[in-house]
């Protein structure tokens, strides 16, 4: 296998899935975002978005904070230090492969 193909094979598969890639990309650009913002920007339905967020949270890439804005529940999300570093590495490897 040549080095480009090996680099592609070594991509972080957790981030590489299109839905999770959108989520991580959106969170990378901001300090924090709420669930509804991610849903609107990504076009992912609530159930699928929740599932992707859970996988990213389990991996330690995303931090989820459940709070209230007034009396309305609000879910805030942000990339962890590990999540930011993993996404930087993912982008670096993808550029190298392409």
PDB file of N, CA and C in Angstrom:
ATOM      1  N   UNK A   1       0.862  -1.180   0.000  1.00  0.00           N
ATOM      2  CA  UNK A   1       0.000   0.000   0.000  1.00  0.00           C
ATOM      3  C   UNK A   1       0.904   1.238   0.000  1.00  0.00           C
ATOM      4  N   UNK A   2       0.609   2.188  -0.901  1.00  0.00           N
ATOM      5  CA  UNK A   2       1.441   3.395  -0.925  1.00  0.00           C
ATOM      6  C   UNK A   2       1.100   4.308   0.259  1.00  0.00           C
ATOM      7  N   UNK A   3       1.914   5.331   0.439  1.00  0.00           N
ATOM      8  CA  UNK A   3       1.765   6.180   1.627  1.00  0.00           C
ATOM      9  C   UNK A   3       0.447   6.963   1.636  1.00  0.00           C
ATOM     10  N   UNK A   4      -0.034   7.389   0.464  1.00  0.00           N
ATOM     11  CA  UNK A   4      -1.316   8.108   0.418  1.00  0.00           C
ATOM     12  C   UNK A   4      -2.459   7.204   0.879  1.00  0.00           C
ATOM     13  N   UNK A   5      -2.471   5.984   0.409  1.00  0.00           N
ATOM     14  CA  UNK A   5      -3.527   5.042   0.790  1.00  0.00           C
ATOM     15  C   UNK A   5      -3.422   4.695   2.275  1.00  0.00           C
ATOM     16  N   UNK A   6      -2.208   4.568   2.773  1.00  0.00           N
ATOM     17  CA  UNK A   6      -2.021   4.278   4.197  1.00  0.00           C
ATOM     18  C   UNK A   6      -2.518   5.439   5.040  1.00  0.00           C
ATOM     19  N   UNK A   7      -2.260   6.658   4.585  1.00  0.00           N
ATOM     20  CA  UNK A   7      -2.736   7.844   5.311  1.00  0.00           C
ATOM     21  C   UNK A   7      -4.258   7.858   5.350  1.00  0.00           C
ATOM     22  N   UNK A   8      -4.891   7.551   4.236  1.00  0.00           N
ATOM     23  CA  UNK A   8      -6.359   7.476   4.218  1.00  0.00           C
ATOM     24  C   UNK A   8      -6.869   6.393   5.148  1.00  0.00           C
ATOM     25  N   UNK A   9      -6.201   5.255   5.161  1.00  0.00           N
ATOM     26  CA  UNK A   9      -6.614   4.145   6.027  1.00  0.00           C
ATOM     27  C   UNK A   9      -6.460   4.502   7.497  1.00  0.00           C
ATOM     28  N   UNK A  10      -5.541   5.420   7.803  1.00  0.00           N
ATOM     29  CA  UNK A  10      -5.283   5.807   9.194  1.00  0.00           C
ATOM     30  C   UNK A  10      -6.159   6.948   9.690  1.00  0.00           C
ATOM     31  N   UNK A  11      -7.069   7.463   8.852  1.00  0.00           N
ATOM     32  CA  UNK A  11      -7.956   8.547   9.293  1.00  0.00           C
ATOM     33  C   UNK A  11      -8.812   8.094  10.477  1.00  0.00           C
ATOM     34  N   UNK A  12      -9.102   9.016  11.367  1.00  0.00           N
ATOM     35  CA  UNK A  12      -9.957   8.748  12.518  1.00  0.00           C
ATOM     36  C   UNK A  12     -11.365   8.434  12.017  1.00  0.00           C
ATOM     37  N   UNK A  13     -11.767   7.187  12.102  1.00  0.00           N
ATOM     38  CA  UNK A  13     -13.061   6.758  11.557  1.00  0.00           C
ATOM     39  C   UNK A  13     -14.237   7.338  12.337  1.00  0.00           C
ATOM     40  N   UNK A  14     -14.028   7.667  13.587  1.00  0.00           N
ATOM     41  CA  UNK A  14     -15.105   8.277  14.368  1.00  0.00           C
ATOM     42  C   UNK A  14     -15.463   9.645  13.784  1.00  0.00           C
ATOM     43  N   UNK A  15     -14.454  10.412  13.413  1.00  0.00           N
ATOM     44  CA  UNK A  15     -14.690  11.731  12.831  1.00  0.00           C
ATOM     45  C   UNK A  15     -15.077  11.611  11.363  1.00  0.00           C
ATOM     46  N   UNK A  16     -14.538  10.632  10.664  1.00  0.00           N
ATOM     47  CA  UNK A  16     -14.690  10.527   9.215  1.00  0.00           C
ATOM     48  C   UNK A  16     -16.140  10.305   8.761  1.00  0.00           C
ATOM     49  N   UNK A  17     -16.984   9.739   9.592  1.00  0.00           N
ATOM     50  CA  UNK A  17     -18.396   9.528   9.221  1.00  0.00           C
ATOM     51  C   UNK A  17     -19.000  10.899   8.928  1.00  0.00           C
ATOM     52  N   UNK A  18     -19.704  11.064   7.789  1.00  0.00           N
ATOM     53  CA  UNK A  18     -20.155  12.396   7.357  1.00  0.00           C
ATOM     54  C   UNK A  18     -20.937  13.208   8.390  1.00  0.00           C
ATOM     55  N   UNK A  19     -21.849  12.599   9.107  1.00  0.00           N
ATOM     56  CA  UNK A  19     -22.622  13.339  10.100  1.00  0.00           C
ATOM     57  C   UNK A  19     -21.750  13.854  11.227  1.00  0.00           C
ATOM     58  N   UNK A  20     -20.871  12.998  11.717  1.00  0.00           N
ATOM     59  CA  UNK A  20     -19.983  13.420  12.805  1.00  0.00           C
ATOM     60  C   UNK A  20     -18.948  14.427  12.308  1.00  0.00           C
ATOM     61  N   UNK A  21     -18.534  14.293  11.070  1.00  0.00           N
ATOM     62  CA  UNK A  21     -17.601  15.264  10.496  1.00  0.00           C
ATOM     63  C   UNK A  21     -18.244  16.649  10.449  1.00  0.00           C
ATOM     64  N   UNK A  22     -19.520  16.720  10.090  1.00  0.00           N
ATOM     65  CA  UNK A  22     -20.222  18.014  10.094  1.00  0.00           C
ATOM     66  C   UNK A  22     -20.281  18.595  11.507  1.00  0.00           C
ATOM     67  N   UNK A  23     -20.617  17.757  12.481  1.00  0.00           N
ATOM     68  CA  UNK A  23     -20.735  18.219  13.865  1.00  0.00           C
ATOM     69  C   UNK A  23     -19.398  18.752  14.365  1.00  0.00           C
ATOM     70  N   UNK A  24     -18.350  17.971  14.186  1.00  0.00           N
ATOM     71  CA  UNK A  24     -17.025  18.380  14.660  1.00  0.00           C
ATOM     72  C   UNK A  24     -16.555  19.638  13.933  1.00  0.00           C
ATOM     73  N   UNK A  25     -16.807  19.720  12.637  1.00  0.00           N
ATOM     74  CA  UNK A  25     -16.420  20.915  11.870  1.00  0.00           C
ATOM     75  C   UNK A  25     -17.138  22.156  12.378  1.00  0.00           C
ATOM     76  N   UNK A  26     -18.420  22.023  12.655  1.00  0.00           N
ATOM     77  CA  UNK A  26     -19.182  23.163  13.175  1.00  0.00           C
ATOM     78  C   UNK A  26     -18.684  23.579  14.557  1.00  0.00           C
ATOM     79  N   UNK A  27     -18.420  22.603  15.425  1.00  0.00           N
ATOM     80  CA  UNK A  27     -17.961  22.918  16.778  1.00  0.00           C
ATOM     81  C   UNK A  27     -16.532  23.459  16.798  1.00  0.00           C
ATOM     82  N   UNK A  28     -15.730  23.064  15.826  1.00  0.00           N
ATOM     83  CA  UNK A  28     -14.347  23.529  15.758  1.00  0.00           C
ATOM     84  C   UNK A  28     -14.288  25.042  15.547  1.00  0.00           C
ATOM     85  N   UNK A  29     -15.267  25.581  14.845  1.00  0.00           N
ATOM     86  CA  UNK A  29     -15.277  27.003  14.498  1.00  0.00           C
ATOM     87  C   UNK A  29     -15.789  27.904  15.625  1.00  0.00           C
ATOM     88  N   UNK A  30     -16.351  27.308  16.686  1.00  0.00           N
ATOM     89  CA  UNK A  30     -16.929  28.100  17.775  1.00  0.00           C
ATOM     90  C   UNK A  30     -16.460  27.547  19.116  1.00  0.00           C
ATOM     91  N   UNK A  31     -16.646  28.339  20.164  1.00  0.00           N
ATOM     92  CA  UNK A  31     -16.335  27.857  21.506  1.00  0.00           C
ATOM     93  C   UNK A  31     -17.407  26.893  22.006  1.00  0.00           C
ATOM     94  N   UNK A  32     -18.652  27.207  21.638  1.00  0.00           N
ATOM     95  CA  UNK A  32     -19.795  26.440  22.144  1.00  0.00           C
ATOM     96  C   UNK A  32     -20.977  26.651  21.205  1.00  0.00           C
ATOM     97  N   UNK A  33     -21.813  25.619  21.069  1.00  0.00           N
ATOM     98  CA  UNK A  33     -23.016  25.742  20.239  1.00  0.00           C
ATOM     99  C   UNK A  33     -24.132  24.961  20.894  1.00  0.00           C
ATOM    100  N   UNK A  34     -25.365  25.379  20.652  1.00  0.00           N
ATOM    101  CA  UNK A  34     -26.478  24.614  21.206  1.00  0.00           C
ATOM    102  C   UNK A  34     -26.966  23.585  20.185  1.00  0.00           C
ATOM    103  N   UNK A  35     -27.697  22.621  20.701  1.00  0.00           N
ATOM    104  CA  UNK A  35     -28.175  21.487  19.914  1.00  0.00           C
ATOM    105  C   UNK A  35     -28.971  21.956  18.698  1.00  0.00           C
ATOM    106  N   UNK A  36     -29.856  22.922  18.892  1.00  0.00           N
ATOM    107  CA  UNK A  36     -30.700  23.394  17.797  1.00  0.00           C
ATOM    108  C   UNK A  36     -29.887  24.051  16.683  1.00  0.00           C
ATOM    109  N   UNK A  37     -28.829  24.751  17.053  1.00  0.00           N
ATOM    110  CA  UNK A  37     -27.941  25.340  16.050  1.00  0.00           C
ATOM    111  C   UNK A  37     -27.298  24.231  15.213  1.00  0.00           C
ATOM    112  N   UNK A  38     -26.774  23.204  15.884  1.00  0.00           N
ATOM    113  CA  UNK A  38     -26.157  22.091  15.155  1.00  0.00           C
ATOM    114  C   UNK A  38     -27.164  21.390  14.256  1.00  0.00           C
ATOM    115  N   UNK A  39     -28.364  21.211  14.762  1.00  0.00           N
ATOM    116  CA  UNK A  39     -29.406  20.554  13.967  1.00  0.00           C
ATOM    117  C   UNK A  39     -29.723  21.383  12.726  1.00  0.00           C
ATOM    118  N   UNK A  40     -29.887  22.673  12.910  1.00  0.00           N
ATOM    119  CA  UNK A  40     -30.224  23.559  11.796  1.00  0.00           C
ATOM    120  C   UNK A  40     -29.102  23.601  10.764  1.00  0.00           C
ATOM    121  N   UNK A  41     -27.877  23.775  11.210  1.00  0.00           N
ATOM    122  CA  UNK A  41     -26.743  23.929  10.297  1.00  0.00           C
ATOM    123  C   UNK A  41     -26.377  22.635   9.583  1.00  0.00           C
ATOM    124  N   UNK A  42     -26.547  21.507  10.262  1.00  0.00           N
ATOM    125  CA  UNK A  42     -26.149  20.223   9.669  1.00  0.00           C
ATOM    126  C   UNK A  42     -27.273  19.576   8.861  1.00  0.00           C
ATOM    127  N   UNK A  43     -28.524  19.904   9.200  1.00  0.00           N
ATOM    128  CA  UNK A  43     -29.658  19.273   8.527  1.00  0.00           C
ATOM    129  C   UNK A  43     -29.908  17.849   8.997  1.00  0.00           C
ATOM    130  N   UNK A  44     -29.293  17.473  10.100  1.00  0.00           N
ATOM    131  CA  UNK A  44     -29.452  16.125  10.653  1.00  0.00           C
ATOM    132  C   UNK A  44     -30.662  16.119  11.584  1.00  0.00           C
ATOM    133  N   UNK A  45     -31.495  15.060  11.514  1.00  0.00           N
ATOM    134  CA  UNK A  45     -32.663  15.013  12.397  1.00  0.00           C
ATOM    135  C   UNK A  45     -32.234  14.807  13.854  1.00  0.00           C
ATOM    136  N   UNK A  46     -33.134  15.096  14.779  1.00  0.00           N
ATOM    137  CA  UNK A  46     -32.814  15.083  16.214  1.00  0.00           C
ATOM    138  C   UNK A  46     -32.250  13.753  16.696  1.00  0.00           C
ATOM    139  N   UNK A  47     -32.901  12.659  16.305  1.00  0.00           N
ATOM    140  CA  UNK A  47     -32.466  11.350  16.773  1.00  0.00           C
ATOM    141  C   UNK A  47     -31.073  10.986  16.297  1.00  0.00           C
ATOM    142  N   UNK A  48     -30.814  11.216  15.028  1.00  0.00           N
ATOM    143  CA  UNK A  48     -29.498  10.906  14.466  1.00  0.00           C
ATOM    144  C   UNK A  48     -28.433  11.819  15.048  1.00  0.00           C
ATOM    145  N   UNK A  49     -28.764  13.087  15.205  1.00  0.00           N
ATOM    146  CA  UNK A  49     -27.826  14.040  15.799  1.00  0.00           C
ATOM    147  C   UNK A  49     -27.478  13.619  17.223  1.00  0.00           C
ATOM    148  N   UNK A  50     -28.481  13.236  17.992  1.00  0.00           N
ATOM    149  CA  UNK A  50     -28.242  12.775  19.370  1.00  0.00           C
ATOM    150  C   UNK A  50     -27.324  11.563  19.393  1.00  0.00           C
ATOM    151  N   UNK A  51     -27.552  10.641  18.483  1.00  0.00           N
ATOM    152  CA  UNK A  51     -26.731   9.432  18.405  1.00  0.00           C
ATOM    153  C   UNK A  51     -25.273   9.774  18.091  1.00  0.00           C
ATOM    154  N   UNK A  52     -25.069  10.656  17.116  1.00  0.00           N
ATOM    155  CA  UNK A  52     -23.707  11.065  16.761  1.00  0.00           C
ATOM    156  C   UNK A  52     -23.029  11.783  17.929  1.00  0.00           C
ATOM    157  N   UNK A  53     -23.764  12.654  18.588  1.00  0.00           N
ATOM    158  CA  UNK A  53     -23.205  13.388  19.727  1.00  0.00           C
ATOM    159  C   UNK A  53     -22.816  12.418  20.835  1.00  0.00           C
ATOM    160  N   UNK A  54     -23.642  11.422  21.091  1.00  0.00           N
ATOM    161  CA  UNK A  54     -23.321  10.434  22.123  1.00  0.00           C
ATOM    162  C   UNK A  54     -22.023   9.706  21.811  1.00  0.00           C
ATOM    163  N   UNK A  55     -21.833   9.329  20.559  1.00  0.00           N
ATOM    164  CA  UNK A  55     -20.596   8.638  20.165  1.00  0.00           C
ATOM    165  C   UNK A  55     -19.386   9.546  20.344  1.00  0.00           C
ATOM    166  N   UNK A  56     -19.517  10.808  19.966  1.00  0.00           N
ATOM    167  CA  UNK A  56     -18.421  11.755  20.133  1.00  0.00           C
ATOM    168  C   UNK A  56     -18.148  12.034  21.611  1.00  0.00           C
ATOM    169  N   UNK A  57     -19.202  12.086  22.405  1.00  0.00           N
ATOM    170  CA  UNK A  57     -19.046  12.303  23.848  1.00  0.00           C
ATOM    171  C   UNK A  57     -18.370  11.096  24.491  1.00  0.00           C
ATOM    172  N   UNK A  58     -18.786   9.891  24.130  1.00  0.00           N
ATOM    173  CA  UNK A  58     -18.182   8.667  24.676  1.00  0.00           C
ATOM    174  C   UNK A  58     -16.689   8.583  24.367  1.00  0.00           C
ATOM    175  N   UNK A  59     -16.294   9.115  23.208  1.00  0.00           N
ATOM    176  CA  UNK A  59     -14.884   9.102  22.810  1.00  0.00           C
ATOM    177  C   UNK A  59     -14.082  10.219  23.479  1.00  0.00           C
ATOM    178  N   UNK A  60     -14.791  11.131  24.158  1.00  0.00           N
ATOM    179  CA  UNK A  60     -14.114  12.246  24.809  1.00  0.00           C
ATOM    180  C   UNK A  60     -13.847  13.420  23.893  1.00  0.00           C
ATOM    181  N   UNK A  61     -14.499  13.450  22.729  1.00  0.00           N
ATOM    182  CA  UNK A  61     -14.295  14.523  21.760  1.00  0.00           C
ATOM    183  C   UNK A  61     -15.210  15.711  21.997  1.00  0.00           C
ATOM    184  N   UNK A  62     -16.365  15.472  22.598  1.00  0.00           N
ATOM    185  CA  UNK A  62     -17.368  16.518  22.788  1.00  0.00           C
ATOM    186  C   UNK A  62     -17.818  16.537  24.243  1.00  0.00           C
ATOM    187  N   UNK A  63     -18.007  17.735  24.756  1.00  0.00           N
ATOM    188  CA  UNK A  63     -18.567  17.926  26.092  1.00  0.00           C
ATOM    189  C   UNK A  63     -20.004  18.419  25.932  1.00  0.00           C
ATOM    190  N   UNK A  64     -20.914  17.805  26.683  1.00  0.00           N
ATOM    191  CA  UNK A  64     -22.333  18.158  26.620  1.00  0.00           C
ATOM    192  C   UNK A  64     -22.740  18.745  27.965  1.00  0.00           C
ATOM    193  N   UNK A  65     -23.337  19.917  27.920  1.00  0.00           N
ATOM    194  CA  UNK A  65     -23.814  20.588  29.125  1.00  0.00           C
ATOM    195  C   UNK A  65     -25.308  20.820  28.981  1.00  0.00           C
ATOM    196  N   UNK A  66     -26.084  20.231  29.875  1.00  0.00           N
ATOM    197  CA  UNK A  66     -27.546  20.424  29.878  1.00  0.00           C
ATOM    198  C   UNK A  66     -27.851  21.531  30.873  1.00  0.00           C
ATOM    199  N   UNK A  67     -28.534  22.551  30.396  1.00  0.00           N
ATOM    200  CA  UNK A  67     -28.835  23.708  31.230  1.00  0.00           C
ATOM    201  C   UNK A  67     -30.205  24.261  30.850  1.00  0.00           C
ATOM    202  N   UNK A  68     -30.513  25.438  31.343  1.00  0.00           N
ATOM    203  CA  UNK A  68     -31.771  26.120  31.012  1.00  0.00           C
ATOM    204  C   UNK A  68     -31.479  27.541  30.600  1.00  0.00           C
ATOM    205  N   UNK A  69     -32.258  28.036  29.661  1.00  0.00           N
ATOM    206  CA  UNK A  69     -32.260  29.453  29.334  1.00  0.00           C
ATOM    207  C   UNK A  69     -33.635  29.929  29.740  1.00  0.00           C
ATOM    208  N   UNK A  70     -33.699  30.575  30.894  1.00  0.00           N
ATOM    209  CA  UNK A  70     -34.997  30.869  31.496  1.00  0.00           C
ATOM    210  C   UNK A  70     -35.589  29.548  31.958  1.00  0.00           C
ATOM    211  N   UNK A  71     -36.766  29.215  31.458  1.00  0.00           N
ATOM    212  CA  UNK A  71     -37.410  27.950  31.807  1.00  0.00           C
ATOM    213  C   UNK A  71     -37.295  26.912  30.692  1.00  0.00           C
ATOM    214  N   UNK A  72     -36.576  27.256  29.639  1.00  0.00           N
ATOM    215  CA  UNK A  72     -36.456  26.368  28.478  1.00  0.00           C
ATOM    216  C   UNK A  72     -35.167  25.555  28.571  1.00  0.00           C
ATOM    217  N   UNK A  73     -35.264  24.227  28.479  1.00  0.00           N
ATOM    218  CA  UNK A  73     -34.048  23.404  28.496  1.00  0.00           C
ATOM    219  C   UNK A  73     -33.151  23.732  27.303  1.00  0.00           C
ATOM    220  N   UNK A  74     -31.853  23.686  27.540  1.00  0.00           N
ATOM    221  CA  UNK A  74     -30.891  23.982  26.488  1.00  0.00           C
ATOM    222  C   UNK A  74     -29.713  23.020  26.613  1.00  0.00           C
ATOM    223  N   UNK A  75     -29.299  22.452  25.500  1.00  0.00           N
ATOM    224  CA  UNK A  75     -28.137  21.558  25.469  1.00  0.00           C
ATOM    225  C   UNK A  75     -27.021  22.278  24.740  1.00  0.00           C
ATOM    226  N   UNK A  76     -25.926  22.509  25.451  1.00  0.00           N
ATOM    227  CA  UNK A  76     -24.773  23.197  24.890  1.00  0.00           C
ATOM    228  C   UNK A  76     -23.657  22.186  24.645  1.00  0.00           C
ATOM    229  N   UNK A  77     -22.987  22.328  23.522  1.00  0.00           N
ATOM    230  CA  UNK A  77     -21.931  21.397  23.150  1.00  0.00           C
ATOM    231  C   UNK A  77     -20.660  22.146  22.806  1.00  0.00           C
ATOM    232  N   UNK A  78     -19.533  21.521  23.103  1.00  0.00           N
ATOM    233  CA  UNK A  78     -18.241  22.093  22.733  1.00  0.00           C
ATOM    234  C   UNK A  78     -17.255  20.952  22.525  1.00  0.00           C
ATOM    235  N   UNK A  79     -16.239  21.231  21.730  1.00  0.00           N
ATOM    236  CA  UNK A  79     -15.177  20.249  21.551  1.00  0.00           C
ATOM    237  C   UNK A  79     -14.274  20.282  22.767  1.00  0.00           C
ATOM    238  N   UNK A  80     -13.850  19.132  23.197  1.00  0.00           N
ATOM    239  CA  UNK A  80     -12.864  19.049  24.269  1.00  0.00           C
ATOM    240  C   UNK A  80     -11.486  19.306  23.666  1.00  0.00           C
ATOM    241  N   UNK A  81     -10.497  19.394  24.519  1.00  0.00           N
ATOM    242  CA  UNK A  81      -9.119  19.552  24.046  1.00  0.00           C
ATOM    243  C   UNK A  81      -8.747  18.363  23.147  1.00  0.00           C
ATOM    244  N   UNK A  82      -9.131  17.163  23.565  1.00  0.00           N
ATOM    245  CA  UNK A  82      -8.882  15.964  22.765  1.00  0.00           C
ATOM    246  C   UNK A  82      -9.608  16.041  21.426  1.00  0.00           C
ATOM    247  N   UNK A  83     -10.846  16.521  21.435  1.00  0.00           N
ATOM    248  CA  UNK A  83     -11.622  16.651  20.214  1.00  0.00           C
ATOM    249  C   UNK A  83     -10.994  17.625  19.236  1.00  0.00           C
ATOM    250  N   UNK A  84     -10.527  18.751  19.742  1.00  0.00           N
ATOM    251  CA  UNK A  84      -9.869  19.741  18.882  1.00  0.00           C
ATOM    252  C   UNK A  84      -8.591  19.173  18.282  1.00  0.00           C
ATOM    253  N   UNK A  85      -7.794  18.516  19.114  1.00  0.00           N
ATOM    254  CA  UNK A  85      -6.542  17.946  18.641  1.00  0.00           C
ATOM    255  C   UNK A  85      -6.797  16.832  17.624  1.00  0.00           C
ATOM    256  N   UNK A  86      -7.800  16.013  17.879  1.00  0.00           N
ATOM    257  CA  UNK A  86      -8.130  14.919  16.965  1.00  0.00           C
ATOM    258  C   UNK A  86      -8.592  15.452  15.618  1.00  0.00           C
ATOM    259  N   UNK A  87      -9.369  16.523  15.639  1.00  0.00           N
ATOM    260  CA  UNK A  87      -9.839  17.107  14.384  1.00  0.00           C
ATOM    261  C   UNK A  87      -8.676  17.747  13.618  1.00  0.00           C
ATOM    262  N   UNK A  88      -7.766  18.410  14.328  1.00  0.00           N
ATOM    263  CA  UNK A  88      -6.582  18.976  13.675  1.00  0.00           C
ATOM    264  C   UNK A  88      -5.774  17.874  12.991  1.00  0.00           C
ATOM    265  N   UNK A  89      -5.585  16.775  13.685  1.00  0.00           N
ATOM    266  CA  UNK A  89      -4.832  15.647  13.142  1.00  0.00           C
ATOM    267  C   UNK A  89      -5.568  15.032  11.948  1.00  0.00           C
ATOM    268  N   UNK A  90      -6.879  14.917  12.054  1.00  0.00           N
ATOM    269  CA  UNK A  90      -7.698  14.394  10.956  1.00  0.00           C
ATOM    270  C   UNK A  90      -7.506  15.252   9.704  1.00  0.00           C
ATOM    271  N   UNK A  91      -7.609  16.563   9.860  1.00  0.00           N
ATOM    272  CA  UNK A  91      -7.455  17.484   8.724  1.00  0.00           C
ATOM    273  C   UNK A  91      -6.055  17.378   8.119  1.00  0.00           C
ATOM    274  N   UNK A  92      -5.059  17.280   8.976  1.00  0.00           N
ATOM    275  CA  UNK A  92      -3.675  17.165   8.516  1.00  0.00           C
ATOM    276  C   UNK A  92      -3.486  15.895   7.676  1.00  0.00           C
ATOM    277  N   UNK A  93      -3.987  14.784   8.167  1.00  0.00           N
ATOM    278  CA  UNK A  93      -3.871  13.517   7.440  1.00  0.00           C
ATOM    279  C   UNK A  93      -4.656  13.545   6.131  1.00  0.00           C
ATOM    280  N   UNK A  94      -5.840  14.133   6.154  1.00  0.00           N
ATOM    281  CA  UNK A  94      -6.653  14.195   4.947  1.00  0.00           C
ATOM    282  C   UNK A  94      -5.961  15.034   3.867  1.00  0.00           C
ATOM    283  N   UNK A  95      -5.405  16.174   4.265  1.00  0.00           N
ATOM    284  CA  UNK A  95      -4.664  17.006   3.311  1.00  0.00           C
ATOM    285  C   UNK A  95      -3.470  16.245   2.730  1.00  0.00           C
ATOM    286  N   UNK A  96      -2.769  15.529   3.588  1.00  0.00           N
ATOM    287  CA  UNK A  96      -1.596  14.766   3.144  1.00  0.00           C
ATOM    288  C   UNK A  96      -2.012  13.686   2.142  1.00  0.00           C
ATOM    289  N   UNK A  97      -3.112  13.040   2.384  1.00  0.00           N
ATOM    290  CA  UNK A  97      -3.566  11.972   1.504  1.00  0.00           C
ATOM    291  C   UNK A  97      -4.050  12.501   0.165  1.00  0.00           C
ATOM    292  N   UNK A  98      -4.619  13.691   0.192  1.00  0.00           N
ATOM    293  CA  UNK A  98      -5.158  14.258  -1.047  1.00  0.00           C
ATOM    294  C   UNK A  98      -4.108  15.043  -1.818  1.00  0.00           C
TER     295      UNK A  98
END
